[in-house]
Protein backbone atom coordinates (compact mmCIF):
# COMPACT_ATOMS: atom_id res chain seq x y z
CA UNK A 1 0.00 0.00 0.00
CA UNK A 2 1.26 3.49 -0.82
CA UNK A 3 1.61 6.10 1.92
CA UNK A 4 1.46 9.80 1.13
CA UNK A 5 4.27 12.07 2.19
CA UNK A 6 2.89 15.26 0.64
CA UNK A 7 -0.18 16.61 -1.14
CA UNK A 8 -2.45 17.01 1.85
CA UNK A 9 -3.37 20.51 0.64
CA UNK A 10 -5.38 19.09 -2.25
CA UNK A 11 -9.13 18.63 -1.89
CA UNK A 12 -10.36 15.17 -0.85
CA UNK A 13 -12.53 13.21 -3.28
CA UNK A 14 -14.92 10.47 -2.18
CA UNK A 15 -15.05 7.37 -4.38
CA UNK A 16 -15.98 3.72 -4.00
CA UNK A 17 -13.50 0.86 -4.30
CA UNK A 18 -14.96 -2.63 -4.58
CA UNK A 19 -18.04 -1.52 -2.65
CA UNK A 20 -16.09 0.26 0.10
CA UNK A 21 -16.18 4.04 0.66
CA UNK A 22 -12.71 5.54 0.14
CA UNK A 23 -11.03 8.92 -0.22
CA UNK A 24 -8.49 10.15 -2.75
CA UNK A 25 -7.05 13.60 -3.39
CA UNK A 26 -7.92 15.89 -6.29
CA UNK A 27 -5.51 15.17 -9.15
CA UNK A 28 -4.87 11.52 -8.19
CA UNK A 29 -5.04 8.91 -10.90
CA UNK A 30 -7.31 5.95 -10.26
CA UNK A 31 -4.15 3.88 -9.75
CA UNK A 32 -2.90 6.19 -6.99
CA UNK A 33 -6.36 6.32 -5.43
CA UNK A 34 -6.60 2.53 -5.36
CA UNK A 35 -3.07 1.94 -4.06
CA UNK A 36 -3.46 4.45 -1.23
CA UNK A 37 -6.56 2.53 -0.12
CA UNK A 38 -5.64 -1.11 -0.89
CA UNK A 39 -2.62 -3.39 -0.98
CA UNK A 40 -2.96 -4.15 -4.71
CA UNK A 41 -4.66 -2.94 -7.84
CA UNK A 42 -5.85 -6.37 -8.95
CA UNK A 43 -4.75 -9.98 -9.28
CA UNK A 44 -2.91 -11.38 -12.27
CA UNK A 45 -5.01 -13.22 -14.82
CA UNK A 46 -2.29 -15.87 -14.87
CA UNK A 47 -2.10 -17.20 -11.34
CA UNK A 48 -3.60 -14.73 -8.90
CA UNK A 49 -0.44 -12.81 -7.98
CA UNK A 50 -0.94 -9.24 -6.77
CA UNK A 51 -0.52 -6.55 -9.44
CA UNK A 52 0.02 -2.84 -8.92
CA UNK A 53 0.47 -1.53 -12.44
CA UNK A 54 3.63 -1.91 -14.50
CA UNK A 55 4.57 0.86 -16.93
CA UNK A 56 2.53 3.62 -15.22
CA UNK A 57 2.03 5.42 -18.56
CA UNK A 58 -0.78 3.54 -20.29
CA UNK A 59 1.26 1.30 -22.57
CA UNK A 60 1.40 -2.13 -20.89
CA UNK A 61 -2.26 -3.13 -20.40
CA UNK A 62 -1.62 -4.12 -16.75
CA UNK A 63 -3.82 -1.61 -14.93
CA UNK A 64 -7.25 -2.09 -16.51
CA UNK A 65 -10.12 -1.84 -14.01
CA UNK A 66 -13.87 -1.45 -14.43
CA UNK A 67 -16.40 1.03 -13.17
CA UNK A 68 -19.60 -0.27 -11.60
CA UNK A 69 -21.42 0.31 -14.92
CA UNK A 70 -18.95 -2.02 -16.71
CA UNK A 71 -16.85 0.66 -18.42
CA UNK A 72 -13.17 -0.35 -18.63
CA UNK A 73 -10.44 2.21 -17.99
CA UNK A 74 -6.72 2.38 -17.46
CA UNK A 75 -6.10 3.18 -13.83
CA UNK A 76 -2.70 4.79 -14.46
CA UNK A 77 -3.92 7.43 -16.95
CA UNK A 78 -7.44 8.18 -15.68
CA UNK A 79 -8.01 10.75 -12.95
CA UNK A 80 -10.29 9.72 -10.11
CA UNK A 81 -13.59 11.60 -9.97
CA UNK A 82 -15.94 12.22 -7.10
CA UNK A 83 -18.48 9.41 -6.83
CA UNK A 84 -16.54 7.07 -9.13
CA UNK A 85 -17.32 3.39 -8.36
CA UNK A 86 -14.19 1.38 -9.18
CA UNK A 87 -14.20 -2.42 -9.39
CA UNK A 88 -10.86 -4.20 -9.39
CA UNK A 89 -12.15 -7.74 -9.34
CA UNK A 90 -10.47 -8.29 -5.97
C-alpha atoms as a PDB file:
ATOM      1  CA  UNK A   1       0.000   0.000   0.000  1.00  0.00           C
ATOM      2  CA  UNK A   2       1.255   3.494  -0.819  1.00  0.00           C
ATOM      3  CA  UNK A   3       1.612   6.097   1.925  1.00  0.00           C
ATOM      4  CA  UNK A   4       1.459   9.805   1.134  1.00  0.00           C
ATOM      5  CA  UNK A   5       4.273  12.070   2.192  1.00  0.00           C
ATOM      6  CA  UNK A   6       2.889  15.263   0.636  1.00  0.00           C
ATOM      7  CA  UNK A   7      -0.176  16.605  -1.137  1.00  0.00           C
ATOM      8  CA  UNK A   8      -2.452  17.007   1.851  1.00  0.00           C
ATOM      9  CA  UNK A   9      -3.368  20.507   0.642  1.00  0.00           C
ATOM     10  CA  UNK A  10      -5.381  19.085  -2.253  1.00  0.00           C
ATOM     11  CA  UNK A  11      -9.131  18.626  -1.885  1.00  0.00           C
ATOM     12  CA  UNK A  12     -10.362  15.167  -0.850  1.00  0.00           C
ATOM     13  CA  UNK A  13     -12.529  13.210  -3.284  1.00  0.00           C
ATOM     14  CA  UNK A  14     -14.915  10.467  -2.183  1.00  0.00           C
ATOM     15  CA  UNK A  15     -15.052   7.372  -4.377  1.00  0.00           C
ATOM     16  CA  UNK A  16     -15.981   3.718  -4.002  1.00  0.00           C
ATOM     17  CA  UNK A  17     -13.504   0.860  -4.301  1.00  0.00           C
ATOM     18  CA  UNK A  18     -14.959  -2.634  -4.585  1.00  0.00           C
ATOM     19  CA  UNK A  19     -18.044  -1.521  -2.654  1.00  0.00           C
ATOM     20  CA  UNK A  20     -16.089   0.256   0.097  1.00  0.00           C
ATOM     21  CA  UNK A  21     -16.179   4.040   0.657  1.00  0.00           C
ATOM     22  CA  UNK A  22     -12.705   5.542   0.143  1.00  0.00           C
ATOM     23  CA  UNK A  23     -11.032   8.919  -0.219  1.00  0.00           C
ATOM     24  CA  UNK A  24      -8.490  10.152  -2.752  1.00  0.00           C
ATOM     25  CA  UNK A  25      -7.054  13.596  -3.394  1.00  0.00           C
ATOM     26  CA  UNK A  26      -7.919  15.887  -6.286  1.00  0.00           C
ATOM     27  CA  UNK A  27      -5.512  15.170  -9.148  1.00  0.00           C
ATOM     28  CA  UNK A  28      -4.874  11.521  -8.186  1.00  0.00           C
ATOM     29  CA  UNK A  29      -5.037   8.914 -10.896  1.00  0.00           C
ATOM     30  CA  UNK A  30      -7.314   5.950 -10.259  1.00  0.00           C
ATOM     31  CA  UNK A  31      -4.148   3.880  -9.745  1.00  0.00           C
ATOM     32  CA  UNK A  32      -2.899   6.193  -6.993  1.00  0.00           C
ATOM     33  CA  UNK A  33      -6.364   6.324  -5.429  1.00  0.00           C
ATOM     34  CA  UNK A  34      -6.605   2.532  -5.359  1.00  0.00           C
ATOM     35  CA  UNK A  35      -3.073   1.939  -4.058  1.00  0.00           C
ATOM     36  CA  UNK A  36      -3.456   4.452  -1.230  1.00  0.00           C
ATOM     37  CA  UNK A  37      -6.556   2.531  -0.121  1.00  0.00           C
ATOM     38  CA  UNK A  38      -5.642  -1.106  -0.890  1.00  0.00           C
ATOM     39  CA  UNK A  39      -2.625  -3.393  -0.979  1.00  0.00           C
ATOM     40  CA  UNK A  40      -2.958  -4.148  -4.712  1.00  0.00           C
ATOM     41  CA  UNK A  41      -4.662  -2.935  -7.840  1.00  0.00           C
ATOM     42  CA  UNK A  42      -5.854  -6.367  -8.955  1.00  0.00           C
ATOM     43  CA  UNK A  43      -4.754  -9.979  -9.282  1.00  0.00           C
ATOM     44  CA  UNK A  44      -2.909 -11.378 -12.274  1.00  0.00           C
ATOM     45  CA  UNK A  45      -5.011 -13.218 -14.822  1.00  0.00           C
ATOM     46  CA  UNK A  46      -2.290 -15.874 -14.869  1.00  0.00           C
ATOM     47  CA  UNK A  47      -2.097 -17.203 -11.342  1.00  0.00           C
ATOM     48  CA  UNK A  48      -3.600 -14.735  -8.904  1.00  0.00           C
ATOM     49  CA  UNK A  49      -0.439 -12.814  -7.985  1.00  0.00           C
ATOM     50  CA  UNK A  50      -0.935  -9.238  -6.773  1.00  0.00           C
ATOM     51  CA  UNK A  51      -0.519  -6.554  -9.444  1.00  0.00           C
ATOM     52  CA  UNK A  52       0.025  -2.838  -8.925  1.00  0.00           C
ATOM     53  CA  UNK A  53       0.472  -1.529 -12.439  1.00  0.00           C
ATOM     54  CA  UNK A  54       3.635  -1.910 -14.499  1.00  0.00           C
ATOM     55  CA  UNK A  55       4.570   0.857 -16.925  1.00  0.00           C
ATOM     56  CA  UNK A  56       2.529   3.624 -15.217  1.00  0.00           C
ATOM     57  CA  UNK A  57       2.032   5.418 -18.556  1.00  0.00           C
ATOM     58  CA  UNK A  58      -0.784   3.539 -20.285  1.00  0.00           C
ATOM     59  CA  UNK A  59       1.257   1.297 -22.569  1.00  0.00           C
ATOM     60  CA  UNK A  60       1.403  -2.131 -20.893  1.00  0.00           C
ATOM     61  CA  UNK A  61      -2.261  -3.127 -20.402  1.00  0.00           C
ATOM     62  CA  UNK A  62      -1.623  -4.118 -16.754  1.00  0.00           C
ATOM     63  CA  UNK A  63      -3.817  -1.606 -14.926  1.00  0.00           C
ATOM     64  CA  UNK A  64      -7.247  -2.088 -16.506  1.00  0.00           C
ATOM     65  CA  UNK A  65     -10.117  -1.837 -14.009  1.00  0.00           C
ATOM     66  CA  UNK A  66     -13.871  -1.454 -14.434  1.00  0.00           C
ATOM     67  CA  UNK A  67     -16.398   1.027 -13.167  1.00  0.00           C
ATOM     68  CA  UNK A  68     -19.601  -0.270 -11.604  1.00  0.00           C
ATOM     69  CA  UNK A  69     -21.418   0.307 -14.915  1.00  0.00           C
ATOM     70  CA  UNK A  70     -18.949  -2.017 -16.705  1.00  0.00           C
ATOM     71  CA  UNK A  71     -16.854   0.656 -18.418  1.00  0.00           C
ATOM     72  CA  UNK A  72     -13.169  -0.352 -18.632  1.00  0.00           C
ATOM     73  CA  UNK A  73     -10.442   2.208 -17.985  1.00  0.00           C
ATOM     74  CA  UNK A  74      -6.716   2.381 -17.460  1.00  0.00           C
ATOM     75  CA  UNK A  75      -6.102   3.185 -13.829  1.00  0.00           C
ATOM     76  CA  UNK A  76      -2.701   4.793 -14.459  1.00  0.00           C
ATOM     77  CA  UNK A  77      -3.921   7.427 -16.951  1.00  0.00           C
ATOM     78  CA  UNK A  78      -7.442   8.181 -15.682  1.00  0.00           C
ATOM     79  CA  UNK A  79      -8.012  10.746 -12.952  1.00  0.00           C
ATOM     80  CA  UNK A  80     -10.286   9.721 -10.108  1.00  0.00           C
ATOM     81  CA  UNK A  81     -13.589  11.599  -9.968  1.00  0.00           C
ATOM     82  CA  UNK A  82     -15.940  12.218  -7.104  1.00  0.00           C
ATOM     83  CA  UNK A  83     -18.481   9.412  -6.833  1.00  0.00           C
ATOM     84  CA  UNK A  84     -16.538   7.068  -9.127  1.00  0.00           C
ATOM     85  CA  UNK A  85     -17.324   3.391  -8.360  1.00  0.00           C
ATOM     86  CA  UNK A  86     -14.188   1.379  -9.182  1.00  0.00           C
ATOM     87  CA  UNK A  87     -14.203  -2.421  -9.394  1.00  0.00           C
ATOM     88  CA  UNK A  88     -10.857  -4.200  -9.388  1.00  0.00           C
ATOM     89  CA  UNK A  89     -12.153  -7.740  -9.344  1.00  0.00           C
ATOM     90  CA  UNK A  90     -10.474  -8.291  -5.971  1.00  0.00           C
END
